[in-house]
């Protein structure tokens, strides 16, 4: 696909910028391979039923998405559903992250946690707009070595993260805000699909709130 650089011009006001932004958001959403989204949903559903752990990680805005996934899976998914996902964000442990970064190295802040917490058969969701963050790539490599399943959410060119992950959810867009917005949408889609596919009572689908 052709990379969609944004913004590529100056705008008179925020309203016109918003119109262009939302148009780029639409194109970014269209760029994601739907079969990859389906594969990610199937993997997370299968692993959740098996009671495997799902780990997530990201830097900056991607860390917020990583942390938000825990909330939506462990609280939202369980609403009128029998599924109880086990989710842990490696980006939420600020005390441990800073200790690892200071004493071992920033590239190890996620992989070091995985080697203590994760097991074969678990899942790692790594979120990186560039797909090139060294600590994200190291986490994916470590997960592979531990025989975990991996999902990468990326943007821009996708970087190494998109190439080495089992499932690549790549957003073809060159704007951090747009990429992060789409990643947030993917997080909500995957979490809500987990709940939707494991509802206890489907008779009230239209009235249920996530």
C-alpha atoms as a PDB file:
ATOM      1  CA  UNK A   1       0.000   0.000   0.000  1.00  0.00           C
ATOM      2  CA  UNK A   2       1.035   3.626  -0.470  1.00  0.00           C
ATOM      3  CA  UNK A   3       1.834   5.382   2.801  1.00  0.00           C
ATOM      4  CA  UNK A   4      -0.683   8.125   3.581  1.00  0.00           C
ATOM      5  CA  UNK A   5       1.310  11.120   4.825  1.00  0.00           C
ATOM      6  CA  UNK A   6      -0.744  13.525   6.966  1.00  0.00           C
ATOM      7  CA  UNK A   7      -0.836  16.464   7.249  1.00  0.00           C
ATOM      8  CA  UNK A   8       0.507  17.364   3.834  1.00  0.00           C
ATOM      9  CA  UNK A   9      -0.682  20.981   3.786  1.00  0.00           C
ATOM     10  CA  UNK A  10      -1.535  23.926   6.069  1.00  0.00           C
ATOM     11  CA  UNK A  11      -5.156  24.454   7.205  1.00  0.00           C
ATOM     12  CA  UNK A  12      -6.958  27.709   7.967  1.00  0.00           C
ATOM     13  CA  UNK A  13      -8.603  26.505  11.165  1.00  0.00           C
ATOM     14  CA  UNK A  14      -9.140  23.471  13.392  1.00  0.00           C
ATOM     15  CA  UNK A  15     -12.501  22.687  11.792  1.00  0.00           C
ATOM     16  CA  UNK A  16     -10.970  22.211   8.353  1.00  0.00           C
ATOM     17  CA  UNK A  17      -8.128  20.278   9.921  1.00  0.00           C
ATOM     18  CA  UNK A  18     -10.714  18.016  11.572  1.00  0.00           C
ATOM     19  CA  UNK A  19     -12.378  17.288   8.239  1.00  0.00           C
ATOM     20  CA  UNK A  20      -9.044  16.234   6.738  1.00  0.00           C
ATOM     21  CA  UNK A  21      -8.137  14.283   9.877  1.00  0.00           C
ATOM     22  CA  UNK A  22     -11.350  12.270   9.842  1.00  0.00           C
ATOM     23  CA  UNK A  23     -10.905  11.573   6.141  1.00  0.00           C
ATOM     24  CA  UNK A  24      -7.423  10.191   6.840  1.00  0.00           C
ATOM     25  CA  UNK A  25      -8.876   8.172   9.736  1.00  0.00           C
ATOM     26  CA  UNK A  26     -11.382   6.617   7.324  1.00  0.00           C
ATOM     27  CA  UNK A  27      -8.628   5.687   4.883  1.00  0.00           C
ATOM     28  CA  UNK A  28      -6.501   4.320   7.722  1.00  0.00           C
ATOM     29  CA  UNK A  29      -9.345   2.066   8.870  1.00  0.00           C
ATOM     30  CA  UNK A  30      -9.828   0.809   5.319  1.00  0.00           C
ATOM     31  CA  UNK A  31      -6.144  -0.134   5.092  1.00  0.00           C
ATOM     32  CA  UNK A  32      -6.317  -2.824   7.787  1.00  0.00           C
ATOM     33  CA  UNK A  33      -6.531  -6.393   6.552  1.00  0.00           C
ATOM     34  CA  UNK A  34      -9.849  -7.783   7.786  1.00  0.00           C
ATOM     35  CA  UNK A  35      -8.609 -11.384   7.744  1.00  0.00           C
ATOM     36  CA  UNK A  36      -5.902 -10.347  10.218  1.00  0.00           C
ATOM     37  CA  UNK A  37      -8.525  -8.813  12.514  1.00  0.00           C
ATOM     38  CA  UNK A  38     -10.528 -12.045  12.270  1.00  0.00           C
ATOM     39  CA  UNK A  39      -7.428 -14.096  13.081  1.00  0.00           C
ATOM     40  CA  UNK A  40      -6.653 -11.912  16.097  1.00  0.00           C
ATOM     41  CA  UNK A  41     -10.211 -12.283  17.372  1.00  0.00           C
ATOM     42  CA  UNK A  42     -10.131 -16.060  16.974  1.00  0.00           C
ATOM     43  CA  UNK A  43      -6.751 -16.310  18.710  1.00  0.00           C
ATOM     44  CA  UNK A  44      -7.784 -14.199  21.703  1.00  0.00           C
ATOM     45  CA  UNK A  45     -11.067 -16.095  22.054  1.00  0.00           C
ATOM     46  CA  UNK A  46      -9.309 -19.457  21.933  1.00  0.00           C
ATOM     47  CA  UNK A  47      -6.607 -18.439  24.391  1.00  0.00           C
ATOM     48  CA  UNK A  48      -9.150 -16.891  26.756  1.00  0.00           C
ATOM     49  CA  UNK A  49     -11.178 -20.099  26.791  1.00  0.00           C
ATOM     50  CA  UNK A  50      -7.966 -21.994  27.561  1.00  0.00           C
ATOM     51  CA  UNK A  51      -7.281 -19.564  30.445  1.00  0.00           C
ATOM     52  CA  UNK A  52      -3.947 -18.571  28.894  1.00  0.00           C
ATOM     53  CA  UNK A  53      -2.528 -15.177  29.831  1.00  0.00           C
ATOM     54  CA  UNK A  54      -2.776 -12.260  27.420  1.00  0.00           C
ATOM     55  CA  UNK A  55      -0.004  -9.687  27.842  1.00  0.00           C
ATOM     56  CA  UNK A  56       0.052  -6.254  26.221  1.00  0.00           C
ATOM     57  CA  UNK A  57       2.712  -3.570  25.968  1.00  0.00           C
ATOM     58  CA  UNK A  58       3.425  -0.225  24.342  1.00  0.00           C
ATOM     59  CA  UNK A  59       5.227   3.080  24.803  1.00  0.00           C
ATOM     60  CA  UNK A  60       3.657   6.520  25.246  1.00  0.00           C
ATOM     61  CA  UNK A  61       0.156   6.658  23.797  1.00  0.00           C
ATOM     62  CA  UNK A  62       0.457   2.961  22.965  1.00  0.00           C
ATOM     63  CA  UNK A  63       1.020   2.281  26.674  1.00  0.00           C
ATOM     64  CA  UNK A  64      -2.346   3.880  27.411  1.00  0.00           C
ATOM     65  CA  UNK A  65      -3.991   1.591  24.838  1.00  0.00           C
ATOM     66  CA  UNK A  66      -2.185  -1.382  26.374  1.00  0.00           C
ATOM     67  CA  UNK A  67      -3.500  -0.482  29.834  1.00  0.00           C
ATOM     68  CA  UNK A  68      -7.008   0.206  28.520  1.00  0.00           C
ATOM     69  CA  UNK A  69      -7.128  -3.309  27.053  1.00  0.00           C
ATOM     70  CA  UNK A  70      -6.927  -4.737  30.575  1.00  0.00           C
ATOM     71  CA  UNK A  71      -9.962  -2.734  31.689  1.00  0.00           C
ATOM     72  CA  UNK A  72     -12.098  -3.640  28.693  1.00  0.00           C
ATOM     73  CA  UNK A  73     -11.214  -7.334  28.797  1.00  0.00           C
ATOM     74  CA  UNK A  74     -11.371  -8.000  32.545  1.00  0.00           C
ATOM     75  CA  UNK A  75     -14.435  -5.862  33.243  1.00  0.00           C
ATOM     76  CA  UNK A  76     -16.253  -5.184  29.973  1.00  0.00           C
ATOM     77  CA  UNK A  77     -15.936  -8.664  28.446  1.00  0.00           C
ATOM     78  CA  UNK A  78     -17.433 -10.265  31.560  1.00  0.00           C
ATOM     79  CA  UNK A  79     -20.723  -8.327  31.266  1.00  0.00           C
ATOM     80  CA  UNK A  80     -23.373 -10.982  30.483  1.00  0.00           C
ATOM     81  CA  UNK A  81     -20.595 -13.312  29.277  1.00  0.00           C
ATOM     82  CA  UNK A  82     -19.150 -16.465  30.759  1.00  0.00           C
ATOM     83  CA  UNK A  83     -15.665 -15.675  29.470  1.00  0.00           C
ATOM     84  CA  UNK A  84     -13.075 -14.485  31.994  1.00  0.00           C
ATOM     85  CA  UNK A  85      -9.987 -13.270  30.092  1.00  0.00           C
ATOM     86  CA  UNK A  86      -6.696 -13.076  31.977  1.00  0.00           C
ATOM     87  CA  UNK A  87      -4.973  -9.887  30.818  1.00  0.00           C
ATOM     88  CA  UNK A  88      -1.880  -8.088  32.094  1.00  0.00           C
ATOM     89  CA  UNK A  89      -0.359  -4.867  30.733  1.00  0.00           C
ATOM     90  CA  UNK A  90       3.423  -4.792  30.965  1.00  0.00           C
ATOM     91  CA  UNK A  91       3.212  -1.019  30.544  1.00  0.00           C
ATOM     92  CA  UNK A  92       1.381  -0.500  33.858  1.00  0.00           C
ATOM     93  CA  UNK A  93       4.231  -1.402  36.204  1.00  0.00           C
ATOM     94  CA  UNK A  94       5.991   1.978  36.355  1.00  0.00           C
ATOM     95  CA  UNK A  95       8.133   1.082  39.382  1.00  0.00           C
ATOM     96  CA  UNK A  96       9.393  -2.111  37.751  1.00  0.00           C
ATOM     97  CA  UNK A  97       9.783  -0.491  34.331  1.00  0.00           C
ATOM     98  CA  UNK A  98      12.000   2.287  35.696  1.00  0.00           C
ATOM     99  CA  UNK A  99      14.084  -0.184  37.713  1.00  0.00           C
ATOM    100  CA  UNK A 100      14.670  -2.378  34.645  1.00  0.00           C
ATOM    101  CA  UNK A 101      15.433   0.645  32.458  1.00  0.00           C
ATOM    102  CA  UNK A 102      17.893   2.038  34.995  1.00  0.00           C
ATOM    103  CA  UNK A 103      19.696  -1.174  35.949  1.00  0.00           C
ATOM    104  CA  UNK A 104      19.411  -3.355  32.821  1.00  0.00           C
ATOM    105  CA  UNK A 105      18.358  -1.207  29.859  1.00  0.00           C
ATOM    106  CA  UNK A 106      15.301   0.355  28.237  1.00  0.00           C
ATOM    107  CA  UNK A 107      15.230  -2.319  25.528  1.00  0.00           C
ATOM    108  CA  UNK A 108      14.462  -4.910  28.233  1.00  0.00           C
ATOM    109  CA  UNK A 109      11.540  -3.263  30.028  1.00  0.00           C
ATOM    110  CA  UNK A 110       8.939  -5.603  28.533  1.00  0.00           C
ATOM    111  CA  UNK A 111      10.950  -8.709  27.645  1.00  0.00           C
ATOM    112  CA  UNK A 112      12.393  -8.958  31.172  1.00  0.00           C
ATOM    113  CA  UNK A 113       8.874  -9.054  32.589  1.00  0.00           C
ATOM    114  CA  UNK A 114       7.814 -11.734  30.121  1.00  0.00           C
ATOM    115  CA  UNK A 115      10.635 -14.063  31.139  1.00  0.00           C
ATOM    116  CA  UNK A 116       9.343 -13.969  34.735  1.00  0.00           C
ATOM    117  CA  UNK A 117       5.595 -13.965  34.110  1.00  0.00           C
ATOM    118  CA  UNK A 118       4.723 -15.627  30.812  1.00  0.00           C
ATOM    119  CA  UNK A 119       4.528 -19.256  29.762  1.00  0.00           C
ATOM    120  CA  UNK A 120       4.389 -21.212  26.517  1.00  0.00           C
ATOM    121  CA  UNK A 121       0.975 -20.800  24.918  1.00  0.00           C
ATOM    122  CA  UNK A 122       0.343 -17.302  26.274  1.00  0.00           C
ATOM    123  CA  UNK A 123      -0.242 -14.274  24.000  1.00  0.00           C
ATOM    124  CA  UNK A 124       1.569 -10.962  23.594  1.00  0.00           C
ATOM    125  CA  UNK A 125      -0.127  -7.945  22.006  1.00  0.00           C
ATOM    126  CA  UNK A 126       2.606  -5.420  21.166  1.00  0.00           C
ATOM    127  CA  UNK A 127       1.480  -1.924  20.192  1.00  0.00           C
ATOM    128  CA  UNK A 128       3.847   0.432  18.360  1.00  0.00           C
ATOM    129  CA  UNK A 129       2.920   3.149  15.857  1.00  0.00           C
ATOM    130  CA  UNK A 130       6.330   2.960  14.189  1.00  0.00           C
ATOM    131  CA  UNK A 131       6.765  -0.785  14.650  1.00  0.00           C
ATOM    132  CA  UNK A 132      10.434  -0.026  15.245  1.00  0.00           C
ATOM    133  CA  UNK A 133      10.694   0.545  19.004  1.00  0.00           C
ATOM    134  CA  UNK A 134      13.591  -1.616  20.265  1.00  0.00           C
ATOM    135  CA  UNK A 135      11.772  -2.693  23.439  1.00  0.00           C
ATOM    136  CA  UNK A 136       8.715  -3.754  21.411  1.00  0.00           C
ATOM    137  CA  UNK A 137      10.829  -5.752  18.968  1.00  0.00           C
ATOM    138  CA  UNK A 138      12.727  -7.381  21.857  1.00  0.00           C
ATOM    139  CA  UNK A 139       9.435  -8.289  23.548  1.00  0.00           C
ATOM    140  CA  UNK A 140       8.139  -9.925  20.352  1.00  0.00           C
ATOM    141  CA  UNK A 141      11.408 -11.828  19.897  1.00  0.00           C
ATOM    142  CA  UNK A 142      11.319 -13.016  23.503  1.00  0.00           C
ATOM    143  CA  UNK A 143       7.703 -14.095  23.155  1.00  0.00           C
ATOM    144  CA  UNK A 144       8.578 -16.102  20.063  1.00  0.00           C
ATOM    145  CA  UNK A 145      11.462 -17.783  21.892  1.00  0.00           C
ATOM    146  CA  UNK A 146       9.048 -18.671  24.711  1.00  0.00           C
ATOM    147  CA  UNK A 147       6.594 -20.175  22.165  1.00  0.00           C
ATOM    148  CA  UNK A 148       3.945 -17.561  22.802  1.00  0.00           C
ATOM    149  CA  UNK A 149       1.532 -16.288  20.158  1.00  0.00           C
ATOM    150  CA  UNK A 150       2.052 -12.680  19.077  1.00  0.00           C
ATOM    151  CA  UNK A 151      -0.073  -9.860  17.693  1.00  0.00           C
ATOM    152  CA  UNK A 152       1.461  -6.544  16.580  1.00  0.00           C
ATOM    153  CA  UNK A 153      -0.474  -3.315  16.103  1.00  0.00           C
ATOM    154  CA  UNK A 154       1.622  -0.970  13.969  1.00  0.00           C
ATOM    155  CA  UNK A 155       1.446   2.057  11.680  1.00  0.00           C
ATOM    156  CA  UNK A 156       3.739   3.899   9.260  1.00  0.00           C
ATOM    157  CA  UNK A 157       5.755   1.222   7.401  1.00  0.00           C
ATOM    158  CA  UNK A 158       5.015  -1.428  10.045  1.00  0.00           C
ATOM    159  CA  UNK A 159       8.681  -1.858  10.928  1.00  0.00           C
ATOM    160  CA  UNK A 160      10.214  -5.042  12.246  1.00  0.00           C
ATOM    161  CA  UNK A 161       7.303  -5.572  14.627  1.00  0.00           C
ATOM    162  CA  UNK A 162       4.838  -6.126  11.778  1.00  0.00           C
ATOM    163  CA  UNK A 163       7.219  -8.548  10.101  1.00  0.00           C
ATOM    164  CA  UNK A 164       7.976 -10.836  13.056  1.00  0.00           C
ATOM    165  CA  UNK A 165       4.533 -11.006  14.724  1.00  0.00           C
ATOM    166  CA  UNK A 166       2.282 -13.998  14.074  1.00  0.00           C
ATOM    167  CA  UNK A 167      -0.603 -11.614  13.323  1.00  0.00           C
ATOM    168  CA  UNK A 168       0.016  -8.116  11.984  1.00  0.00           C
ATOM    169  CA  UNK A 169      -2.650  -5.439  12.431  1.00  0.00           C
ATOM    170  CA  UNK A 170      -1.003  -2.758  10.336  1.00  0.00           C
ATOM    171  CA  UNK A 171      -2.451   0.719   9.821  1.00  0.00           C
ATOM    172  CA  UNK A 172      -1.148   2.308   6.626  1.00  0.00           C
ATOM    173  CA  UNK A 173      -0.878   5.908   7.856  1.00  0.00           C
ATOM    174  CA  UNK A 174       1.937   8.315   8.728  1.00  0.00           C
ATOM    175  CA  UNK A 175       0.423  10.268  11.609  1.00  0.00           C
ATOM    176  CA  UNK A 176       0.783   9.164  15.220  1.00  0.00           C
ATOM    177  CA  UNK A 177      -2.613  10.504  16.274  1.00  0.00           C
ATOM    178  CA  UNK A 178      -4.504   8.736  13.504  1.00  0.00           C
ATOM    179  CA  UNK A 179      -2.585   5.489  14.013  1.00  0.00           C
ATOM    180  CA  UNK A 180      -3.206   5.539  17.767  1.00  0.00           C
ATOM    181  CA  UNK A 181      -6.909   6.308  17.223  1.00  0.00           C
ATOM    182  CA  UNK A 182      -7.210   3.273  14.951  1.00  0.00           C
ATOM    183  CA  UNK A 183      -5.249   1.096  17.384  1.00  0.00           C
ATOM    184  CA  UNK A 184      -7.650   2.186  20.126  1.00  0.00           C
ATOM    185  CA  UNK A 185     -10.539   1.185  17.873  1.00  0.00           C
ATOM    186  CA  UNK A 186      -8.926  -2.202  17.225  1.00  0.00           C
ATOM    187  CA  UNK A 187      -8.538  -2.698  20.967  1.00  0.00           C
ATOM    188  CA  UNK A 188     -12.236  -1.979  21.465  1.00  0.00           C
ATOM    189  CA  UNK A 189     -13.217  -4.197  18.528  1.00  0.00           C
ATOM    190  CA  UNK A 190     -11.245  -7.175  19.826  1.00  0.00           C
ATOM    191  CA  UNK A 191     -12.475  -6.764  23.408  1.00  0.00           C
ATOM    192  CA  UNK A 192     -16.098  -6.275  22.413  1.00  0.00           C
ATOM    193  CA  UNK A 193     -15.939  -9.166  19.950  1.00  0.00           C
ATOM    194  CA  UNK A 194     -14.713 -11.427  22.764  1.00  0.00           C
ATOM    195  CA  UNK A 195     -17.783 -10.514  24.784  1.00  0.00           C
ATOM    196  CA  UNK A 196     -20.131 -10.636  21.783  1.00  0.00           C
ATOM    197  CA  UNK A 197     -19.002 -14.151  20.856  1.00  0.00           C
ATOM    198  CA  UNK A 198     -19.457 -15.511  24.389  1.00  0.00           C
ATOM    199  CA  UNK A 199     -22.735 -13.952  25.504  1.00  0.00           C
ATOM    200  CA  UNK A 200     -24.822 -15.945  27.972  1.00  0.00           C
ATOM    201  CA  UNK A 201     -28.129 -14.497  26.724  1.00  0.00           C
ATOM    202  CA  UNK A 202     -28.335 -13.212  23.142  1.00  0.00           C
ATOM    203  CA  UNK A 203     -32.061 -12.358  23.301  1.00  0.00           C
ATOM    204  CA  UNK A 204     -31.347  -8.826  24.548  1.00  0.00           C
ATOM    205  CA  UNK A 205     -28.458  -8.014  22.209  1.00  0.00           C
ATOM    206  CA  UNK A 206     -29.824  -4.628  21.182  1.00  0.00           C
ATOM    207  CA  UNK A 207     -30.350  -3.419  24.754  1.00  0.00           C
ATOM    208  CA  UNK A 208     -27.058  -4.608  26.237  1.00  0.00           C
ATOM    209  CA  UNK A 209     -24.348  -2.088  27.018  1.00  0.00           C
ATOM    210  CA  UNK A 210     -20.655  -2.976  26.935  1.00  0.00           C
END
